[in-house]
Protein backbone atom coordinates (compact mmCIF):
# COMPACT_ATOMS: atom_id res chain seq x y z
CA MET A 1 0.05 -18.74 -27.37
CA ARG A 2 1.29 -17.58 -23.97
CA LEU A 3 4.29 -15.27 -23.87
CA PRO A 4 7.38 -16.07 -21.77
CA TYR A 5 7.43 -14.32 -18.41
CA LEU A 6 9.41 -11.10 -18.14
CA GLY A 7 7.76 -9.56 -15.08
CA LEU A 8 7.44 -5.90 -15.90
CA ALA A 9 4.79 -3.34 -16.74
CA VAL A 10 5.53 -0.66 -19.32
CA GLN A 11 3.84 2.30 -20.92
CA TYR A 12 4.75 3.70 -24.31
CA ILE A 13 5.95 7.31 -24.32
CA GLU A 14 6.88 9.61 -27.14
CA SER A 15 8.15 13.14 -26.73
CA ASN A 16 9.60 15.73 -29.05
CA ASP A 17 10.01 18.49 -26.45
CA VAL A 18 13.56 19.13 -27.64
CA PRO A 19 13.71 19.86 -31.39
CA GLY A 20 15.72 17.20 -33.21
CA LYS A 21 15.76 14.93 -30.14
CA GLU A 22 12.63 12.82 -30.28
CA VAL A 23 12.39 10.37 -27.41
CA ARG A 24 10.45 7.17 -27.93
CA GLY A 25 10.39 4.15 -25.70
CA LEU A 26 8.73 2.00 -23.09
CA GLU A 27 8.82 3.48 -19.60
CA VAL A 28 9.11 0.77 -16.96
CA VAL A 29 6.33 1.51 -14.48
CA GLY A 30 6.51 -1.73 -12.51
CA VAL A 31 8.80 -4.71 -11.94
CA ASP A 32 7.49 -7.87 -10.27
CA PRO A 33 9.47 -9.05 -7.23
CA ASN A 34 11.64 -12.10 -7.96
CA SER A 35 10.96 -11.79 -11.69
CA PRO A 36 13.34 -12.18 -14.63
CA ALA A 37 13.22 -8.39 -15.12
CA GLU A 38 14.26 -7.78 -11.50
CA ALA A 39 17.05 -10.37 -11.77
CA GLY A 40 18.24 -8.64 -14.95
CA GLY A 41 18.52 -5.30 -13.16
CA ILE A 42 15.54 -3.50 -14.73
CA ARG A 43 14.31 -0.61 -12.56
CA ALA A 44 10.77 0.74 -12.34
CA ARG A 45 9.95 4.39 -11.81
CA GLY A 46 9.85 5.54 -8.22
CA ARG A 47 6.81 6.33 -6.17
CA LEU A 48 4.46 9.02 -7.34
CA THR A 49 4.83 12.46 -5.83
CA LYS A 50 1.80 13.90 -4.01
CA LEU A 51 0.90 16.02 -7.03
CA GLY A 52 1.54 13.10 -9.38
CA ALA A 53 -0.66 10.78 -7.33
CA SER A 54 -3.48 13.35 -7.37
CA GLY A 55 -3.19 13.70 -11.13
CA ALA A 56 -3.00 9.95 -11.62
CA THR A 57 -6.11 9.45 -9.48
CA ALA A 58 -7.99 12.19 -11.31
CA GLY A 59 -6.91 10.69 -14.61
CA ALA A 60 -8.14 7.26 -13.54
CA LEU A 61 -11.52 8.66 -12.49
CA MET A 62 -12.02 10.77 -15.60
CA PRO A 63 -10.42 9.08 -18.63
CA PRO A 64 -10.52 12.15 -20.95
CA LEU A 65 -8.57 14.10 -18.28
CA ASP A 66 -5.89 11.40 -18.42
CA LEU A 67 -4.94 12.59 -21.91
CA VAL A 68 -4.30 16.11 -20.60
CA VAL A 69 -3.14 15.76 -16.99
CA MET A 70 -0.70 12.85 -17.20
CA PRO A 71 1.48 14.26 -20.04
CA LEU A 72 1.60 17.63 -18.26
CA LEU A 73 2.64 16.04 -14.98
CA LYS A 74 5.28 13.95 -16.72
CA LYS A 75 6.61 16.96 -18.62
CA ALA A 76 6.77 18.97 -15.39
CA GLY A 77 8.57 16.13 -13.62
CA LYS A 78 5.84 15.87 -11.03
CA LEU A 79 4.59 12.36 -11.75
CA GLY A 80 7.34 10.34 -10.10
CA ALA A 81 11.03 9.55 -10.23
CA ASP A 82 11.56 7.98 -13.62
CA GLY A 83 12.62 4.40 -13.97
CA ASP A 84 14.32 2.82 -16.93
CA LEU A 85 13.20 3.76 -20.41
CA ILE A 86 13.50 0.82 -22.82
CA ILE A 87 14.67 2.26 -26.13
CA ALA A 88 15.70 -0.96 -27.91
CA ILE A 89 14.84 -4.66 -27.74
CA ASP A 90 17.51 -7.03 -29.09
CA ASP A 91 19.13 -4.05 -30.85
CA ASN A 92 15.87 -3.02 -32.55
CA ARG A 93 14.71 0.51 -31.71
CA VAL A 94 11.35 0.77 -29.96
CA GLU A 95 8.99 2.32 -32.50
CA ALA A 96 5.56 1.29 -31.21
CA GLU A 97 3.61 0.31 -28.13
CA ASP A 98 3.51 -3.40 -29.04
CA ASP A 99 7.22 -3.86 -29.80
CA LEU A 100 7.94 -5.75 -26.57
CA LYS A 101 4.98 -8.08 -27.01
CA THR A 102 6.00 -8.69 -30.63
CA ALA A 103 9.58 -9.52 -29.59
CA LEU A 104 8.38 -11.93 -26.88
CA GLN A 105 6.19 -13.84 -29.37
CA THR A 106 9.26 -15.37 -31.02
CA LEU A 107 10.99 -16.32 -27.75
CA ARG A 108 10.63 -19.12 -25.22
CA PRO A 109 11.34 -19.51 -21.49
CA GLY A 110 15.10 -19.71 -20.97
CA ASP A 111 15.87 -17.45 -23.94
CA VAL A 112 17.72 -14.21 -23.24
CA ILE A 113 16.31 -10.88 -24.40
CA TYR A 114 18.56 -7.80 -24.45
CA LEU A 115 16.90 -4.58 -23.34
CA THR A 116 18.70 -1.31 -24.01
CA VAL A 117 17.59 1.18 -21.38
CA VAL A 118 18.22 4.80 -20.55
CA ARG A 119 18.54 5.16 -16.78
CA PRO A 120 18.22 8.65 -15.26
CA HIS A 121 20.25 9.69 -12.23
CA LEU A 122 19.35 12.16 -9.49
CA ASP A 123 21.92 14.66 -10.75
CA GLY A 124 20.04 15.01 -14.06
CA MET A 125 22.50 12.88 -16.00
CA HIS A 126 21.64 9.50 -17.51
CA GLU A 127 23.36 6.37 -18.73
CA THR A 128 22.51 3.88 -21.46
CA LEU A 129 22.76 0.21 -20.52
CA LYS A 130 22.21 -3.03 -22.44
CA LEU A 131 20.80 -5.52 -19.96
CA PRO A 132 20.38 -9.25 -20.65
CA VAL A 133 17.23 -10.77 -19.16
CA LYS A 134 16.63 -14.53 -19.11
CA LEU A 135 12.93 -15.15 -19.72
CA GLY A 136 10.83 -17.28 -17.36
CA VAL A 137 7.95 -19.70 -17.66
CA PRO A 138 4.59 -18.00 -18.30
CA ARG A 139 2.56 -17.39 -15.16
CA SER A 140 -0.95 -18.78 -14.86
């Protein structure tokens, strides 16, 4: 079964850097142009910084390094400007890497999925938004 088209790429992140404030969600790393996600206002993380790009390249060349370098770069804020972090899908908290795929399995093109995102701002503050996204026809 082919999933309806959303048009975004995500990676699962989990952090407990701040005691009592565990962060878990799907970081939006890419949004396809003219996609349902773009039309719904979902934002991908910004371009990689020079240091982040070096770490990402090194991580891609040496997979074991990826486990060490990428989390350190992200923690240090050197990977890139963060995009939206999806923390809930149709009011269900994101608990695992496959939550988005699982949610899409029960939906069809034309259905609306509600993504609750945390959006960071340049001043260090953030806002939480619930964005409706109308799903598209699967791409071939």
